[in-house]
Amino acid sequence: MKYFGTVKTFDPDKGLGSLKPETGGDDLYFERSAISWDAPKDISVGQRLSYDRGMVDSQPCAVNLARI
């Protein structure tokens, strides 16, 4: 199942960011490796993305990020 959210923060140097789910709840963090397209620096705050939910170190995160 795909979810949708808005990029809240992204640091291209560190490759880390956070996403605000449209369904509400806590922000989900993501790493550059979760981005499904070739130019991960193209992410901007406020951009709407689709994603899947995953877990890293027992913490929820966003994976398989895709532009919509």
N, C-alpha and C. Protein backbone atom coordinates (compact mmCIF):
# COMPACT_ATOMS: atom_id res chain seq x y z
N MET A 1 0.84 -1.18 0.00
CA MET A 1 0.00 0.00 0.00
C MET A 1 0.89 1.24 0.00
N LYS A 2 0.57 2.15 -0.90
CA LYS A 2 1.32 3.41 -0.98
C LYS A 2 0.67 4.44 -0.07
N TYR A 3 1.52 5.23 0.55
CA TYR A 3 1.09 6.34 1.39
C TYR A 3 1.59 7.62 0.74
N PHE A 4 1.06 8.75 1.19
CA PHE A 4 1.46 10.04 0.65
C PHE A 4 1.84 10.97 1.79
N GLY A 5 2.80 11.85 1.51
CA GLY A 5 3.23 12.80 2.52
C GLY A 5 3.98 13.95 1.89
N THR A 6 4.31 14.92 2.71
CA THR A 6 5.00 16.12 2.28
C THR A 6 6.35 16.19 2.96
N VAL A 7 7.38 16.54 2.17
CA VAL A 7 8.72 16.67 2.72
C VAL A 7 8.73 17.84 3.71
N LYS A 8 9.14 17.57 4.92
CA LYS A 8 9.21 18.60 5.96
C LYS A 8 10.63 19.16 6.05
N THR A 9 11.63 18.28 5.99
CA THR A 9 13.03 18.70 6.00
C THR A 9 13.83 17.78 5.10
N PHE A 10 14.94 18.29 4.55
CA PHE A 10 15.88 17.44 3.82
C PHE A 10 17.24 18.14 3.80
N ASP A 11 18.27 17.42 4.25
CA ASP A 11 19.64 17.91 4.22
C ASP A 11 20.39 17.11 3.16
N PRO A 12 20.63 17.71 1.98
CA PRO A 12 21.26 16.96 0.89
C PRO A 12 22.70 16.53 1.22
N ASP A 13 23.38 17.27 2.07
CA ASP A 13 24.75 16.90 2.42
C ASP A 13 24.78 15.64 3.28
N LYS A 14 23.86 15.53 4.21
CA LYS A 14 23.78 14.35 5.09
C LYS A 14 22.93 13.24 4.48
N GLY A 15 22.05 13.61 3.55
CA GLY A 15 21.17 12.62 2.93
C GLY A 15 20.05 12.17 3.84
N LEU A 16 19.63 13.03 4.75
CA LEU A 16 18.58 12.70 5.71
C LEU A 16 17.44 13.71 5.62
N GLY A 17 16.23 13.22 5.85
CA GLY A 17 15.09 14.12 5.82
C GLY A 17 13.93 13.57 6.62
N SER A 18 12.86 14.34 6.65
CA SER A 18 11.64 13.90 7.34
C SER A 18 10.44 14.21 6.45
N LEU A 19 9.42 13.42 6.65
CA LEU A 19 8.22 13.47 5.85
C LEU A 19 7.02 13.55 6.78
N LYS A 20 6.07 14.41 6.47
CA LYS A 20 4.83 14.53 7.24
C LYS A 20 3.75 13.73 6.53
N PRO A 21 3.28 12.63 7.12
CA PRO A 21 2.25 11.82 6.47
C PRO A 21 0.93 12.57 6.33
N GLU A 22 0.25 12.38 5.20
CA GLU A 22 -1.05 13.03 4.98
C GLU A 22 -2.11 12.48 5.92
N THR A 23 -1.91 11.26 6.40
CA THR A 23 -2.90 10.65 7.29
C THR A 23 -2.73 11.10 8.73
N GLY A 24 -1.73 11.95 8.98
CA GLY A 24 -1.46 12.44 10.33
C GLY A 24 -0.48 11.53 11.04
N GLY A 25 -0.24 11.84 12.28
CA GLY A 25 0.71 11.06 13.06
C GLY A 25 2.09 11.69 13.06
N ASP A 26 3.04 10.96 13.63
CA ASP A 26 4.41 11.46 13.75
C ASP A 26 5.09 11.52 12.39
N ASP A 27 6.04 12.45 12.28
CA ASP A 27 6.86 12.53 11.08
C ASP A 27 7.63 11.24 10.90
N LEU A 28 7.89 10.90 9.64
CA LEU A 28 8.70 9.73 9.32
C LEU A 28 10.03 10.21 8.75
N TYR A 29 11.10 9.60 9.19
CA TYR A 29 12.41 9.96 8.68
C TYR A 29 12.77 9.08 7.50
N PHE A 30 13.64 9.60 6.64
CA PHE A 30 14.11 8.82 5.50
C PHE A 30 15.57 9.13 5.21
N GLU A 31 16.23 8.20 4.55
CA GLU A 31 17.61 8.35 4.13
C GLU A 31 17.66 8.44 2.61
N ARG A 32 18.74 8.98 2.09
CA ARG A 32 18.92 9.11 0.66
C ARG A 32 18.68 7.78 -0.06
N SER A 33 19.06 6.67 0.55
CA SER A 33 18.91 5.36 -0.08
C SER A 33 17.44 4.98 -0.29
N ALA A 34 16.51 5.66 0.36
CA ALA A 34 15.07 5.37 0.22
C ALA A 34 14.46 6.06 -1.00
N ILE A 35 15.23 6.90 -1.68
CA ILE A 35 14.73 7.67 -2.82
C ILE A 35 14.83 6.82 -4.08
N SER A 36 13.75 6.73 -4.84
CA SER A 36 13.69 5.81 -5.97
C SER A 36 14.13 6.42 -7.31
N TRP A 37 14.47 7.71 -7.36
CA TRP A 37 14.91 8.28 -8.63
C TRP A 37 16.39 8.64 -8.54
N ASP A 38 16.99 8.99 -9.68
CA ASP A 38 18.44 9.14 -9.80
C ASP A 38 19.03 10.42 -9.23
N ALA A 39 18.24 11.44 -9.02
CA ALA A 39 18.76 12.73 -8.55
C ALA A 39 18.18 13.08 -7.19
N PRO A 40 18.64 12.43 -6.09
CA PRO A 40 18.03 12.66 -4.79
C PRO A 40 18.14 14.08 -4.27
N LYS A 41 19.05 14.89 -4.83
CA LYS A 41 19.14 16.28 -4.37
C LYS A 41 17.99 17.12 -4.90
N ASP A 42 17.15 16.52 -5.76
CA ASP A 42 15.99 17.24 -6.31
C ASP A 42 14.84 17.35 -5.31
N ILE A 43 14.99 16.80 -4.13
CA ILE A 43 13.92 16.88 -3.13
C ILE A 43 13.88 18.29 -2.55
N SER A 44 12.68 18.82 -2.40
CA SER A 44 12.53 20.14 -1.80
C SER A 44 11.45 20.10 -0.72
N VAL A 45 11.62 20.97 0.26
CA VAL A 45 10.63 21.07 1.34
C VAL A 45 9.29 21.45 0.73
N GLY A 46 8.23 20.78 1.16
CA GLY A 46 6.90 21.02 0.65
C GLY A 46 6.51 20.11 -0.50
N GLN A 47 7.47 19.35 -1.04
CA GLN A 47 7.19 18.45 -2.15
C GLN A 47 6.35 17.27 -1.67
N ARG A 48 5.37 16.89 -2.47
CA ARG A 48 4.50 15.74 -2.13
C ARG A 48 5.09 14.49 -2.76
N LEU A 49 5.22 13.44 -1.97
CA LEU A 49 5.80 12.18 -2.42
C LEU A 49 4.92 11.01 -2.00
N SER A 50 5.08 9.90 -2.70
CA SER A 50 4.48 8.65 -2.24
C SER A 50 5.59 7.85 -1.57
N TYR A 51 5.19 6.93 -0.69
CA TYR A 51 6.19 6.14 0.03
C TYR A 51 5.55 4.88 0.58
N ASP A 52 6.39 3.97 1.00
CA ASP A 52 5.97 2.80 1.75
C ASP A 52 6.50 2.98 3.17
N ARG A 53 5.88 2.29 4.10
CA ARG A 53 6.36 2.34 5.48
C ARG A 53 7.35 1.22 5.72
N GLY A 54 8.42 1.54 6.43
CA GLY A 54 9.43 0.56 6.76
C GLY A 54 9.89 0.74 8.19
N MET A 55 10.90 -0.03 8.57
CA MET A 55 11.47 0.05 9.92
C MET A 55 12.99 0.05 9.81
N VAL A 56 13.63 0.91 10.59
CA VAL A 56 15.09 0.93 10.71
C VAL A 56 15.40 1.03 12.19
N ASP A 57 16.17 0.07 12.68
CA ASP A 57 16.52 0.05 14.12
C ASP A 57 15.28 0.17 15.00
N SER A 58 14.24 -0.56 14.66
CA SER A 58 12.98 -0.59 15.40
C SER A 58 12.22 0.74 15.38
N GLN A 59 12.57 1.63 14.44
CA GLN A 59 11.89 2.91 14.32
C GLN A 59 11.18 2.97 12.96
N PRO A 60 9.95 3.48 12.91
CA PRO A 60 9.26 3.61 11.62
C PRO A 60 9.98 4.64 10.74
N CYS A 61 9.98 4.38 9.44
CA CYS A 61 10.60 5.30 8.50
C CYS A 61 9.87 5.21 7.17
N ALA A 62 10.19 6.12 6.25
CA ALA A 62 9.63 6.10 4.90
C ALA A 62 10.66 5.46 3.97
N VAL A 63 10.20 4.55 3.11
CA VAL A 63 11.07 3.89 2.13
C VAL A 63 10.39 3.94 0.77
N ASN A 64 11.16 3.67 -0.28
CA ASN A 64 10.63 3.66 -1.66
C ASN A 64 9.95 4.99 -2.00
N LEU A 65 10.58 6.11 -1.66
CA LEU A 65 10.03 7.42 -1.97
C LEU A 65 9.96 7.61 -3.48
N ALA A 66 8.84 8.15 -3.95
CA ALA A 66 8.66 8.39 -5.38
C ALA A 66 7.96 9.72 -5.60
N ARG A 67 8.34 10.40 -6.67
CA ARG A 67 7.66 11.65 -7.05
C ARG A 67 6.29 11.30 -7.62
N ILE A 68 5.33 12.19 -7.38
CA ILE A 68 3.99 11.98 -7.94
C ILE A 68 3.54 13.22 -8.69
